[in-house]
Amino acid sequence: MATKIENAEMNDVKEQLEIAQENAVEAGKTINRANRSMVRNYLRAAFSLQRAGLEALDALQKGTENLTYSLLDRAENAQDKALEEAGDRLDTNVARLKEARVRIQDRLQEERGDLNESGERTENVIREGVEIGSKVLKVLELRIETMLTELMDMGRREMGEVEERINSLVSRLDRELEDEIRPIANYDEKTVDEITGELDDLDGMQLRTIRAHEVNNKNRVTILRAIDEQLAQRDELNIAGGKSFVDRVEAGVERVTKRAEKVEATVEKKVDELVNPIDNYDELNVEQVSAKLSTLNVAQLGTVRAYEVANKNRVTVLRALDDELEARAEKALA
């Protein structure tokens, strides 16, 4: 900016000099016409003025150069000062960062120590928790084992009672069937006279049953002869009444068959009640099955659970069964 101003000033000076020259020429012409001596003096003065102007212009150029150099020096000094200040600020910031790093390291060291202490405390708490958990687990395992033992004992007792009832029923039915098929009680323990004394009370089918048994076992001639005599008498009576031997045999077979079917149906019903405690189990939903559990004994609950696991394996039903078994066990322990 200063250089532009100086150039403008120099141009103004040049213009003024040119004007002065023109004026001097005109004046010289005028003076020349008037007086050559005055013209020479005037020209001499003009030349002196021009020289002075040139000297002034040279001085102005030198001043401009000096001003430019001064501005450059000031700019360099300002730049050096700015760089120095920036370096100082950078050093200050580096020092602050170093201090912050030291503080952070110290803080991290403190935190690490706190974490180590906290980790030790946590480890101790976890170790104590594991020990307590192990003790609780052992107590629970012992309690569960005791409950299962009680349940198994209850199941065995109830199964034994059911088996006894079934065996008793089968024995009774066997005795009734045996009485039907073998009409003389304790036949093998009786003597010949005792057996022959009871033949009069038997019909033809019963006599033939006893005869077949006698032939296959002791095969005593006296008893066989007495039975044959009784059969001959029965045949004569039946023939007189119009009833053939085949009819009598068929009637006896039908009677025995009906009795055997009745026994078989009764046994199957009892076994089905034991194996399938809940009627139409597969058609029942979860709520219906759960509602019937309280009516079952422990053995039946175990049977239903085993069947459920082997078939639909419904979690809700199994949970209800386990809850019912646990309640029975707690009641038994109480």
Protein backbone atom coordinates (compact mmCIF):
# COMPACT_ATOMS: atom_id res chain seq x y z
CA MET A 1 0.00 0.00 0.00
CA ALA A 2 2.82 2.36 0.89
CA THR A 3 4.56 1.54 -2.40
CA LYS A 4 1.45 2.48 -4.38
CA ILE A 5 1.27 5.84 -2.58
CA GLU A 6 4.90 6.54 -3.29
CA ASN A 7 4.47 5.68 -6.99
CA ALA A 8 1.50 8.03 -7.19
CA GLU A 9 3.57 10.81 -5.66
CA MET A 10 6.37 10.15 -8.14
CA ASN A 11 3.91 10.33 -11.04
CA ASP A 12 2.58 13.63 -9.74
CA VAL A 13 6.11 14.95 -9.51
CA LYS A 14 6.84 13.84 -13.06
CA GLU A 15 3.68 15.50 -14.33
CA GLN A 16 4.59 18.70 -12.55
CA LEU A 17 8.08 18.54 -14.04
CA GLU A 18 6.68 18.05 -17.50
CA ILE A 19 4.35 20.97 -17.03
CA ALA A 20 7.26 23.00 -15.75
CA GLN A 21 9.27 22.08 -18.82
CA GLU A 22 6.47 23.12 -21.10
CA ASN A 23 6.09 26.35 -19.27
CA ALA A 24 9.82 26.86 -19.43
CA VAL A 25 9.82 26.27 -23.17
CA GLU A 26 7.06 28.77 -23.67
CA ALA A 27 8.79 31.20 -21.39
CA GLY A 28 12.00 30.63 -23.23
CA LYS A 29 10.38 31.35 -26.50
CA THR A 30 8.90 34.47 -25.10
CA ILE A 31 12.14 35.51 -23.48
CA ASN A 32 14.04 34.56 -26.63
CA ARG A 33 11.96 36.91 -28.52
CA ALA A 34 12.45 39.49 -25.85
CA ASN A 35 15.99 38.90 -24.77
CA ARG A 36 18.34 36.02 -25.47
CA SER A 37 20.19 36.69 -22.27
CA MET A 38 17.09 36.39 -20.25
CA VAL A 39 16.25 33.21 -22.11
CA ARG A 40 19.58 31.69 -21.30
CA ASN A 41 19.14 32.65 -17.66
CA TYR A 42 15.67 31.27 -17.66
CA LEU A 43 16.77 28.05 -19.29
CA ARG A 44 19.60 27.79 -16.85
CA ALA A 45 17.12 28.21 -14.07
CA ALA A 46 14.81 25.65 -15.66
CA PHE A 47 17.58 23.16 -16.01
CA SER A 48 18.51 23.76 -12.41
CA LEU A 49 14.91 23.20 -11.46
CA GLN A 50 14.80 20.01 -13.48
CA ARG A 51 17.98 18.79 -11.85
CA ALA A 52 16.51 19.58 -8.49
CA GLY A 53 13.39 17.66 -9.42
CA LEU A 54 15.42 14.70 -10.52
CA GLU A 55 17.35 14.81 -7.30
CA ALA A 56 14.08 14.99 -5.42
CA LEU A 57 12.76 12.04 -7.42
CA ASP A 58 15.92 10.09 -6.66
CA ALA A 59 15.57 10.92 -3.00
CA LEU A 60 11.94 9.86 -3.13
CA GLN A 61 12.90 6.51 -4.69
CA LYS A 62 15.52 5.98 -2.02
CA GLY A 63 12.96 6.83 0.66
CA THR A 64 10.53 4.39 -0.88
CA GLU A 65 13.14 1.64 -0.85
CA ASN A 66 14.00 2.45 2.75
CA LEU A 67 10.30 2.38 3.66
CA THR A 68 9.86 -0.97 1.89
CA TYR A 69 12.86 -2.43 3.69
CA SER A 70 11.51 -1.07 6.99
CA LEU A 71 8.10 -2.66 6.37
CA LEU A 72 9.76 -5.97 5.50
CA ASP A 73 11.84 -5.81 8.65
CA ARG A 74 8.77 -5.08 10.75
CA ALA A 75 6.89 -7.97 9.07
CA GLU A 76 9.79 -10.33 9.71
CA ASN A 77 9.99 -9.18 13.31
CA ALA A 78 6.22 -9.66 13.74
CA GLN A 79 6.46 -13.12 12.16
CA ASP A 80 9.35 -14.08 14.42
CA LYS A 81 7.44 -12.79 17.42
CA ALA A 82 4.31 -14.73 16.42
CA LEU A 83 6.35 -17.89 15.91
CA GLU A 84 8.00 -17.40 19.25
CA GLU A 85 4.64 -16.88 20.98
CA ALA A 86 3.21 -19.95 19.20
CA GLY A 87 6.22 -21.99 20.30
CA ASP A 88 5.74 -20.78 23.86
CA ARG A 89 2.04 -21.70 23.77
CA LEU A 90 2.92 -25.09 22.26
CA ASP A 91 5.47 -25.73 25.00
CA THR A 92 2.87 -24.72 27.59
CA ASN A 93 0.26 -27.06 26.10
CA VAL A 94 2.79 -29.92 25.90
CA ALA A 95 3.66 -29.37 29.54
CA ARG A 96 -0.04 -29.39 30.46
CA LEU A 97 -0.58 -32.59 28.47
CA LYS A 98 2.35 -34.22 30.25
CA GLU A 99 0.93 -33.18 33.60
CA ALA A 100 -2.51 -34.50 32.60
CA ARG A 101 -0.95 -37.80 31.49
CA VAL A 102 0.83 -38.13 34.81
CA ARG A 103 -2.40 -37.40 36.68
CA ILE A 104 -4.30 -39.92 34.54
CA GLN A 105 -1.62 -42.56 35.13
CA ASP A 106 -1.78 -41.91 38.87
CA ARG A 107 -5.58 -42.12 38.76
CA LEU A 108 -5.46 -45.34 36.74
CA GLN A 109 -3.02 -46.79 39.24
CA GLU A 110 -5.39 -45.89 42.07
CA GLU A 111 -8.35 -47.32 40.16
CA ARG A 112 -6.36 -50.49 39.43
CA GLY A 113 -5.67 -50.87 43.11
CA ASP A 114 -9.35 -50.31 43.91
CA LEU A 115 -10.31 -52.83 41.23
CA ASN A 116 -7.90 -55.38 42.63
CA GLU A 117 -9.37 -54.92 46.10
CA SER A 118 -12.89 -55.03 44.68
CA GLY A 119 -11.98 -58.14 42.65
CA GLU A 120 -10.69 -59.85 45.77
CA ARG A 121 -13.85 -58.95 47.65
CA THR A 122 -15.98 -60.11 44.72
CA GLU A 123 -14.02 -63.35 44.52
CA ASN A 124 -14.53 -63.93 48.23
CA VAL A 125 -18.25 -63.22 47.88
CA ILE A 126 -18.50 -65.57 44.90
CA ARG A 127 -16.56 -68.26 46.75
CA GLU A 128 -18.86 -67.89 49.77
CA GLY A 129 -21.89 -67.94 47.45
CA VAL A 130 -20.65 -71.11 45.78
CA GLU A 131 -20.08 -72.75 49.15
CA ILE A 132 -23.55 -71.73 50.34
CA GLY A 133 -25.03 -72.88 47.03
CA SER A 134 -23.27 -76.23 47.36
CA LYS A 135 -24.63 -76.67 50.87
CA VAL A 136 -28.13 -75.69 49.77
CA LEU A 137 -27.84 -78.04 46.79
CA LYS A 138 -26.79 -80.89 49.06
CA VAL A 139 -29.74 -80.18 51.36
CA LEU A 140 -32.09 -80.05 48.39
CA GLU A 141 -30.63 -83.26 46.96
CA LEU A 142 -31.05 -84.96 50.33
CA ARG A 143 -34.60 -83.68 50.64
CA ILE A 144 -35.44 -84.73 47.08
CA GLU A 145 -33.88 -88.13 47.66
CA THR A 146 -35.90 -88.51 50.85
CA MET A 147 -39.08 -87.42 49.09
CA LEU A 148 -38.43 -89.80 46.21
CA THR A 149 -37.73 -92.62 48.64
CA GLU A 150 -40.98 -91.89 50.46
CA LEU A 151 -42.83 -91.72 47.16
CA MET A 152 -41.32 -94.99 46.00
CA ASP A 153 -42.20 -96.63 49.31
CA MET A 154 -45.74 -95.28 49.09
CA GLY A 155 -45.94 -96.44 45.49
CA ARG A 156 -44.65 -99.90 46.39
CA ARG A 157 -47.11 -100.16 49.26
CA GLU A 158 -50.01 -99.07 47.10
CA MET A 159 -48.86 -101.29 44.23
CA GLY A 160 -48.57 -104.16 46.69
CA GLU A 161 -52.06 -103.48 47.96
CA VAL A 162 -53.40 -103.35 44.40
CA GLU A 163 -51.59 -106.56 43.48
CA GLU A 164 -52.92 -108.22 46.62
CA ARG A 165 -56.46 -107.15 45.74
CA ILE A 166 -56.04 -108.38 42.17
CA ASN A 167 -54.49 -111.67 43.31
CA SER A 168 -57.24 -112.09 45.86
CA LEU A 169 -59.87 -111.44 43.22
CA VAL A 170 -58.21 -113.82 40.75
CA SER A 171 -57.91 -116.50 43.45
CA ARG A 172 -61.55 -116.11 44.36
CA LEU A 173 -62.60 -116.27 40.74
CA ASP A 174 -60.32 -119.26 40.20
CA ARG A 175 -61.95 -121.00 43.12
CA GLU A 176 -65.39 -120.22 41.79
CA LEU A 177 -64.37 -121.41 38.33
CA GLU A 178 -62.78 -124.50 39.81
CA ASP A 179 -65.98 -125.15 41.78
CA GLU A 180 -67.85 -124.82 38.53
CA ILE A 181 -65.49 -127.11 36.64
CA ARG A 182 -64.52 -129.41 39.53
CA PRO A 183 -67.64 -129.65 41.68
CA ILE A 184 -66.09 -131.73 44.51
CA ALA A 185 -63.98 -129.51 46.74
CA ASN A 186 -60.53 -130.81 47.74
CA TYR A 187 -61.00 -133.74 45.43
CA ASP A 188 -57.39 -134.92 45.52
CA GLU A 189 -57.38 -135.08 49.35
CA LYS A 190 -60.54 -137.19 49.65
CA THR A 191 -60.83 -140.95 49.85
CA VAL A 192 -62.71 -143.21 47.45
CA ASP A 193 -65.70 -143.51 49.76
CA GLU A 194 -65.89 -139.74 50.28
CA ILE A 195 -65.81 -139.10 46.54
CA THR A 196 -68.36 -141.77 45.62
CA GLY A 197 -70.60 -140.48 48.36
CA GLU A 198 -70.87 -137.08 46.62
CA LEU A 199 -71.50 -138.36 43.09
CA ASP A 200 -75.27 -138.44 43.51
CA ASP A 201 -75.38 -134.62 43.78
CA LEU A 202 -73.63 -134.02 40.44
CA ASP A 203 -75.00 -133.69 36.93
CA GLY A 204 -73.63 -135.43 33.87
CA MET A 205 -71.19 -132.69 32.90
CA GLN A 206 -69.72 -132.54 36.38
CA LEU A 207 -69.39 -136.32 36.48
CA ARG A 208 -67.50 -136.34 33.17
CA THR A 209 -65.21 -133.58 34.42
CA ILE A 210 -64.36 -135.59 37.54
CA ARG A 211 -63.89 -138.75 35.47
CA ALA A 212 -61.39 -136.98 33.15
CA HIS A 213 -59.47 -135.68 36.15
CA GLU A 214 -59.41 -139.10 37.78
CA VAL A 215 -58.17 -140.80 34.59
CA ASN A 216 -55.36 -138.24 34.22
CA ASN A 217 -54.25 -138.55 37.84
CA LYS A 218 -54.83 -141.49 40.22
CA ASN A 219 -57.02 -143.47 37.81
CA ARG A 220 -58.79 -145.41 40.58
CA VAL A 221 -61.02 -148.16 39.18
CA THR A 222 -63.64 -147.99 41.96
CA ILE A 223 -64.24 -144.29 41.40
CA LEU A 224 -64.32 -144.68 37.63
CA ARG A 225 -66.87 -147.54 37.90
CA ALA A 226 -69.05 -145.47 40.26
CA ILE A 227 -68.91 -142.49 37.89
CA ASP A 228 -69.80 -144.68 34.90
CA GLU A 229 -72.80 -146.08 36.79
CA GLN A 230 -73.95 -142.56 37.63
CA LEU A 231 -73.49 -141.50 33.99
CA ALA A 232 -75.49 -144.47 32.77
CA GLN A 233 -78.32 -143.51 35.09
CA ARG A 234 -78.14 -139.84 33.95
CA ASP A 235 -78.17 -140.89 30.29
CA GLU A 236 -81.26 -143.02 30.80
CA LEU A 237 -83.03 -140.15 32.54
CA ASN A 238 -82.01 -137.64 29.89
CA ILE A 239 -83.01 -139.94 27.07
CA ALA A 240 -86.38 -140.41 28.72
CA GLY A 241 -86.71 -136.62 29.01
CA GLY A 242 -85.73 -136.07 25.37
CA LYS A 243 -82.35 -134.39 26.11
CA SER A 244 -79.37 -135.83 24.24
CA PHE A 245 -75.83 -136.16 25.49
CA VAL A 246 -74.62 -133.55 22.99
CA ASP A 247 -77.11 -131.04 24.32
CA ARG A 248 -75.92 -131.62 27.85
CA VAL A 249 -72.28 -131.19 26.81
CA GLU A 250 -73.00 -127.99 24.93
CA ALA A 251 -74.93 -126.60 27.87
CA GLY A 252 -72.07 -127.35 30.22
CA VAL A 253 -69.50 -125.84 27.84
CA GLU A 254 -71.59 -122.71 27.46
CA ARG A 255 -71.95 -122.35 31.21
CA VAL A 256 -68.22 -122.76 31.79
CA THR A 257 -67.37 -120.38 28.91
CA LYS A 258 -69.63 -117.65 30.28
CA ARG A 259 -68.08 -118.03 33.68
CA ALA A 260 -64.57 -117.83 32.23
CA GLU A 261 -65.47 -114.75 30.18
CA LYS A 262 -66.86 -113.08 33.29
CA VAL A 263 -63.64 -113.81 35.18
CA GLU A 264 -61.52 -112.53 32.27
CA ALA A 265 -63.55 -109.31 31.99
CA THR A 266 -63.27 -108.66 35.72
CA VAL A 267 -59.49 -109.19 35.72
CA GLU A 268 -59.02 -107.03 32.62
CA LYS A 269 -61.02 -104.25 34.23
CA LYS A 270 -58.88 -104.33 37.37
CA VAL A 271 -55.65 -104.41 35.36
CA ASP A 272 -56.86 -101.56 33.15
CA GLU A 273 -57.65 -99.49 36.24
CA LEU A 274 -54.11 -100.08 37.43
CA VAL A 275 -52.38 -99.42 34.09
CA ASN A 276 -54.72 -96.64 32.87
CA PRO A 277 -55.99 -94.83 35.97
CA ILE A 278 -57.72 -92.08 33.93
CA ASP A 279 -60.40 -93.11 31.44
CA ASN A 280 -60.02 -91.80 27.87
CA TYR A 281 -56.72 -90.19 28.85
CA ASP A 282 -55.56 -89.50 25.28
CA GLU A 283 -58.75 -87.55 24.51
CA LEU A 284 -58.43 -85.24 27.55
CA ASN A 285 -56.79 -81.81 27.42
CA VAL A 286 -54.31 -80.44 29.96
CA GLU A 287 -56.93 -78.88 32.25
CA GLN A 288 -59.05 -82.04 32.29
CA VAL A 289 -56.05 -84.25 33.12
CA SER A 290 -54.84 -81.87 35.84
CA ALA A 291 -58.30 -81.85 37.44
CA LYS A 292 -58.25 -85.65 37.88
CA LEU A 293 -54.79 -85.94 39.47
CA SER A 294 -56.03 -85.36 43.01
CA THR A 295 -58.22 -88.50 42.76
CA LEU A 296 -55.25 -90.81 42.04
CA ASN A 297 -52.89 -92.54 44.41
CA VAL A 298 -49.09 -92.27 44.20
CA ALA A 299 -48.68 -95.41 42.10
CA GLN A 300 -51.31 -94.22 39.64
CA LEU A 301 -49.65 -90.79 39.45
CA GLY A 302 -46.35 -92.49 38.60
CA THR A 303 -48.09 -94.59 35.95
CA VAL A 304 -49.71 -91.53 34.36
CA ARG A 305 -46.41 -89.64 34.38
CA ALA A 306 -44.55 -92.48 32.67
CA TYR A 307 -47.29 -92.72 30.04
CA GLU A 308 -47.26 -88.96 29.43
CA VAL A 309 -43.46 -88.90 28.98
CA ALA A 310 -43.63 -91.80 26.53
CA ASN A 311 -46.40 -90.19 24.45
CA LYS A 312 -47.40 -86.50 24.30
CA ASN A 313 -44.80 -85.36 26.87
CA ARG A 314 -46.71 -82.16 27.70
CA VAL A 315 -44.71 -79.89 29.99
CA THR A 316 -47.78 -78.49 31.78
CA VAL A 317 -49.12 -81.96 32.59
CA LEU A 318 -45.71 -83.17 33.80
CA ARG A 319 -45.36 -80.08 36.01
CA ALA A 320 -48.83 -80.69 37.49
CA LEU A 321 -47.91 -84.34 38.14
CA ASP A 322 -44.63 -83.34 39.82
CA ASP A 323 -46.43 -80.76 41.97
CA GLU A 324 -48.99 -83.36 43.04
CA LEU A 325 -46.27 -85.93 43.83
CA GLU A 326 -44.30 -83.33 45.79
CA ALA A 327 -47.41 -82.37 47.76
CA ARG A 328 -48.06 -86.04 48.56
CA ALA A 329 -44.43 -86.45 49.67
CA GLU A 330 -44.51 -83.35 51.87
CA LYS A 331 -47.76 -84.56 53.40
CA ALA A 332 -46.21 -87.95 54.07
CA LEU A 333 -43.10 -86.38 55.61
CA ALA A 334 -45.23 -84.12 57.79
